C-alpha atoms as a PDB file:
ATOM      1  CA  UNK A   1      28.850  30.461  19.776  1.00  0.00           C
ATOM      2  CA  UNK A   2      25.534  29.177  18.633  1.00  0.00           C
ATOM      3  CA  UNK A   3      24.035  26.729  21.282  1.00  0.00           C
ATOM      4  CA  UNK A   4      22.429  23.886  20.073  1.00  0.00           C
ATOM      5  CA  UNK A   5      18.842  24.229  21.674  1.00  0.00           C
ATOM      6  CA  UNK A   6      15.408  22.171  21.144  1.00  0.00           C
ATOM      7  CA  UNK A   7      14.555  25.277  19.108  1.00  0.00           C
ATOM      8  CA  UNK A   8      17.417  25.232  16.704  1.00  0.00           C
ATOM      9  CA  UNK A   9      16.995  21.458  16.278  1.00  0.00           C
ATOM     10  CA  UNK A  10      13.397  21.745  15.363  1.00  0.00           C
ATOM     11  CA  UNK A  11      14.139  24.728  13.010  1.00  0.00           C
ATOM     12  CA  UNK A  12      16.849  22.735  11.180  1.00  0.00           C
ATOM     13  CA  UNK A  13      14.429  19.589  11.050  1.00  0.00           C
ATOM     14  CA  UNK A  14      11.882  22.045   9.368  1.00  0.00           C
ATOM     15  CA  UNK A  15      14.352  23.511   6.928  1.00  0.00           C
ATOM     16  CA  UNK A  16      15.942  20.212   6.185  1.00  0.00           C
ATOM     17  CA  UNK A  17      12.523  18.727   5.566  1.00  0.00           C
ATOM     18  CA  UNK A  18      11.141  21.420   3.719  1.00  0.00           C
ATOM     19  CA  UNK A  19      13.794  21.277   1.293  1.00  0.00           C
ATOM     20  CA  UNK A  20      13.509  17.294   0.853  1.00  0.00           C
ATOM     21  CA  UNK A  21       9.743  17.442   0.664  1.00  0.00           C
ATOM     22  CA  UNK A  22       9.442  19.788  -2.336  1.00  0.00           C
ATOM     23  CA  UNK A  23      13.085  19.403  -3.882  1.00  0.00           C
ATOM     24  CA  UNK A  24      12.975  23.116  -4.195  1.00  0.00           C
ATOM     25  CA  UNK A  25      15.699  25.600  -3.191  1.00  0.00           C
ATOM     26  CA  UNK A  26      15.695  28.866  -4.948  1.00  0.00           C
ATOM     27  CA  UNK A  27      18.577  31.239  -4.589  1.00  0.00           C
ATOM     28  CA  UNK A  28      19.069  34.821  -5.463  1.00  0.00           C
ATOM     29  CA  UNK A  29      22.221  36.049  -5.692  1.00  0.00           C
ATOM     30  CA  UNK A  30      23.433  39.710  -5.778  1.00  0.00           C
ATOM     31  CA  UNK A  31      22.122  42.021  -3.937  1.00  0.00           C
ATOM     32  CA  UNK A  32      18.502  41.235  -3.200  1.00  0.00           C
ATOM     33  CA  UNK A  33      16.124  43.297  -5.561  1.00  0.00           C
ATOM     34  CA  UNK A  34      12.229  43.259  -3.780  1.00  0.00           C
ATOM     35  CA  UNK A  35       9.876  40.760  -4.896  1.00  0.00           C
ATOM     36  CA  UNK A  36      10.970  38.214  -2.468  1.00  0.00           C
ATOM     37  CA  UNK A  37       9.166  35.348  -1.137  1.00  0.00           C
ATOM     38  CA  UNK A  38       7.199  37.657   0.901  1.00  0.00           C
ATOM     39  CA  UNK A  39       6.849  40.379  -2.043  1.00  0.00           C
ATOM     40  CA  UNK A  40       8.196  43.514   0.329  1.00  0.00           C
ATOM     41  CA  UNK A  41       8.953  46.564  -1.879  1.00  0.00           C
ATOM     42  CA  UNK A  42      11.221  49.519  -1.105  1.00  0.00           C
ATOM     43  CA  UNK A  43       7.778  51.821  -0.760  1.00  0.00           C
ATOM     44  CA  UNK A  44       7.017  50.038   2.226  1.00  0.00           C
ATOM     45  CA  UNK A  45      10.167  50.307   4.195  1.00  0.00           C
ATOM     46  CA  UNK A  46       9.641  52.590   7.100  1.00  0.00           C
ATOM     47  CA  UNK A  47      12.922  54.565   9.201  1.00  0.00           C
ATOM     48  CA  UNK A  48      14.114  52.372  12.028  1.00  0.00           C
ATOM     49  CA  UNK A  49      17.026  52.221  14.265  1.00  0.00           C
ATOM     50  CA  UNK A  50      19.164  49.815  13.829  1.00  0.00           C
ATOM     51  CA  UNK A  51      18.954  46.998  16.443  1.00  0.00           C
ATOM     52  CA  UNK A  52      21.331  46.744  19.212  1.00  0.00           C
ATOM     53  CA  UNK A  53      21.106  43.546  19.988  1.00  0.00           C
ATOM     54  CA  UNK A  54      20.173  39.929  17.743  1.00  0.00           C
ATOM     55  CA  UNK A  55      16.952  39.863  19.799  1.00  0.00           C
ATOM     56  CA  UNK A  56      15.903  42.517  18.527  1.00  0.00           C
ATOM     57  CA  UNK A  57      15.458  41.208  14.889  1.00  0.00           C
ATOM     58  CA  UNK A  58      12.795  38.282  16.450  1.00  0.00           C
ATOM     59  CA  UNK A  59       9.340  39.252  15.743  1.00  0.00           C
ATOM     60  CA  UNK A  60      10.608  41.653  13.094  1.00  0.00           C
ATOM     61  CA  UNK A  61       8.476  42.397   9.858  1.00  0.00           C
ATOM     62  CA  UNK A  62      10.424  42.017   6.862  1.00  0.00           C
ATOM     63  CA  UNK A  63       9.714  45.638   6.085  1.00  0.00           C
ATOM     64  CA  UNK A  64      11.321  46.517   9.618  1.00  0.00           C
ATOM     65  CA  UNK A  65      14.122  43.949   8.997  1.00  0.00           C
ATOM     66  CA  UNK A  66      14.792  45.994   5.204  1.00  0.00           C
ATOM     67  CA  UNK A  67      14.648  49.244   7.188  1.00  0.00           C
ATOM     68  CA  UNK A  68      16.982  48.252  10.063  1.00  0.00           C
ATOM     69  CA  UNK A  69      19.887  46.102   7.893  1.00  0.00           C
ATOM     70  CA  UNK A  70      19.270  47.220   4.252  1.00  0.00           C
ATOM     71  CA  UNK A  71      18.715  44.666   1.142  1.00  0.00           C
ATOM     72  CA  UNK A  72      20.119  41.020   1.944  1.00  0.00           C
ATOM     73  CA  UNK A  73      23.081  40.212  -0.297  1.00  0.00           C
ATOM     74  CA  UNK A  74      21.280  36.722  -0.736  1.00  0.00           C
ATOM     75  CA  UNK A  75      17.726  35.586  -0.368  1.00  0.00           C
ATOM     76  CA  UNK A  76      17.685  31.761  -0.359  1.00  0.00           C
ATOM     77  CA  UNK A  77      13.592  30.469  -0.248  1.00  0.00           C
ATOM     78  CA  UNK A  78      13.160  27.203   1.421  1.00  0.00           C
ATOM     79  CA  UNK A  79       9.638  26.636   1.874  1.00  0.00           C
ATOM     80  CA  UNK A  80       8.144  27.809   3.992  1.00  0.00           C
ATOM     81  CA  UNK A  81      10.848  29.840   5.078  1.00  0.00           C
ATOM     82  CA  UNK A  82      12.831  32.233   3.265  1.00  0.00           C
ATOM     83  CA  UNK A  83      16.755  33.201   4.565  1.00  0.00           C
ATOM     84  CA  UNK A  84      18.145  36.448   4.131  1.00  0.00           C
ATOM     85  CA  UNK A  85      21.848  36.303   3.964  1.00  0.00           C
ATOM     86  CA  UNK A  86      24.143  39.374   5.095  1.00  0.00           C
ATOM     87  CA  UNK A  87      27.509  39.487   4.707  1.00  0.00           C
ATOM     88  CA  UNK A  88      30.604  41.523   5.978  1.00  0.00           C
ATOM     89  CA  UNK A  89      34.288  40.741   5.859  1.00  0.00           C
ATOM     90  CA  UNK A  90      34.172  38.238   8.796  1.00  0.00           C
ATOM     91  CA  UNK A  91      30.797  36.551   8.492  1.00  0.00           C
ATOM     92  CA  UNK A  92      27.518  35.455   7.148  1.00  0.00           C
ATOM     93  CA  UNK A  93      24.366  36.419   9.363  1.00  0.00           C
ATOM     94  CA  UNK A  94      21.676  34.569   8.725  1.00  0.00           C
ATOM     95  CA  UNK A  95      18.218  35.830   9.134  1.00  0.00           C
ATOM     96  CA  UNK A  96      15.090  33.074   8.686  1.00  0.00           C
ATOM     97  CA  UNK A  97      11.861  34.381   7.862  1.00  0.00           C
ATOM     98  CA  UNK A  98       8.344  32.543   8.356  1.00  0.00           C
ATOM     99  CA  UNK A  99       4.857  33.322   7.355  1.00  0.00           C
ATOM    100  CA  UNK A 100       3.819  32.460  10.987  1.00  0.00           C
ATOM    101  CA  UNK A 101      -0.028  33.230  10.564  1.00  0.00           C
ATOM    102  CA  UNK A 102      -1.204  34.161   6.605  1.00  0.00           C
ATOM    103  CA  UNK A 103      -0.792  37.891   6.920  1.00  0.00           C
ATOM    104  CA  UNK A 104       2.085  37.672   9.731  1.00  0.00           C
ATOM    105  CA  UNK A 105       5.591  37.076   8.677  1.00  0.00           C
ATOM    106  CA  UNK A 106       8.144  37.925  10.943  1.00  0.00           C
ATOM    107  CA  UNK A 107      11.806  36.920  11.527  1.00  0.00           C
ATOM    108  CA  UNK A 108      12.063  33.364  13.635  1.00  0.00           C
ATOM    109  CA  UNK A 109      15.486  32.578  14.281  1.00  0.00           C
ATOM    110  CA  UNK A 110      19.170  34.272  13.500  1.00  0.00           C
ATOM    111  CA  UNK A 111      22.348  32.285  13.112  1.00  0.00           C
ATOM    112  CA  UNK A 112      25.647  33.659  12.371  1.00  0.00           C
ATOM    113  CA  UNK A 113      28.750  31.810  10.315  1.00  0.00           C
ATOM    114  CA  UNK A 114      32.631  32.639   9.751  1.00  0.00           C
ATOM    115  CA  UNK A 115      34.195  32.496   6.710  1.00  0.00           C
ATOM    116  CA  UNK A 116      34.845  29.310   6.860  1.00  0.00           C
ATOM    117  CA  UNK A 117      31.694  28.397   7.561  1.00  0.00           C
ATOM    118  CA  UNK A 118      31.762  27.727  10.814  1.00  0.00           C
ATOM    119  CA  UNK A 119      28.867  28.710  13.520  1.00  0.00           C
ATOM    120  CA  UNK A 120      30.039  32.281  15.067  1.00  0.00           C
ATOM    121  CA  UNK A 121      28.558  34.803  17.632  1.00  0.00           C
ATOM    122  CA  UNK A 122      25.706  36.359  16.322  1.00  0.00           C
ATOM    123  CA  UNK A 123      26.211  39.967  17.751  1.00  0.00           C
ATOM    124  CA  UNK A 124      29.258  40.308  16.753  1.00  0.00           C
ATOM    125  CA  UNK A 125      28.658  39.365  13.221  1.00  0.00           C
ATOM    126  CA  UNK A 126      25.470  41.741  13.109  1.00  0.00           C
ATOM    127  CA  UNK A 127      27.561  44.531  14.442  1.00  0.00           C
ATOM    128  CA  UNK A 128      30.182  43.739  11.758  1.00  0.00           C
ATOM    129  CA  UNK A 129      27.103  44.080   8.672  1.00  0.00           C
ATOM    130  CA  UNK A 130      25.669  47.013  10.555  1.00  0.00           C
ATOM    131  CA  UNK A 131      29.211  48.891  10.527  1.00  0.00           C
ATOM    132  CA  UNK A 132      30.146  47.744   6.801  1.00  0.00           C
ATOM    133  CA  UNK A 133      27.025  49.004   5.709  1.00  0.00           C
ATOM    134  CA  UNK A 134      27.153  52.573   7.546  1.00  0.00           C
ATOM    135  CA  UNK A 135      30.557  52.546   6.018  1.00  0.00           C
ATOM    136  CA  UNK A 136      29.670  52.216   2.459  1.00  0.00           C
END
């Protein structure tokens, strides 16, 4: 279960304020096709082993995330963040990317929700996403 920590609260506040301040939230549905907020192209993706635990995603660059999980099902832009959503049969994995410096974009937070949109454990959701991508 996702714990409500000060970091999660701060991230939620930033995301909420960012959406309100700009009034803009873009959503690209269907499998994402490159050219996202951070302009990652398939040609820049390198081979990596899949993450074993969610904490291995934290600090990952978009190229590493693409190599590990593939293209997200949905990319949602909420300046200054981009949320990449990976869906499995039982859950949705939300991966939050931020430009921590002008030339350093990375994953700063990962959370999961079940099919009823309730917070759920991230590790089983990540494993489900990875398993479904292997099976397809």
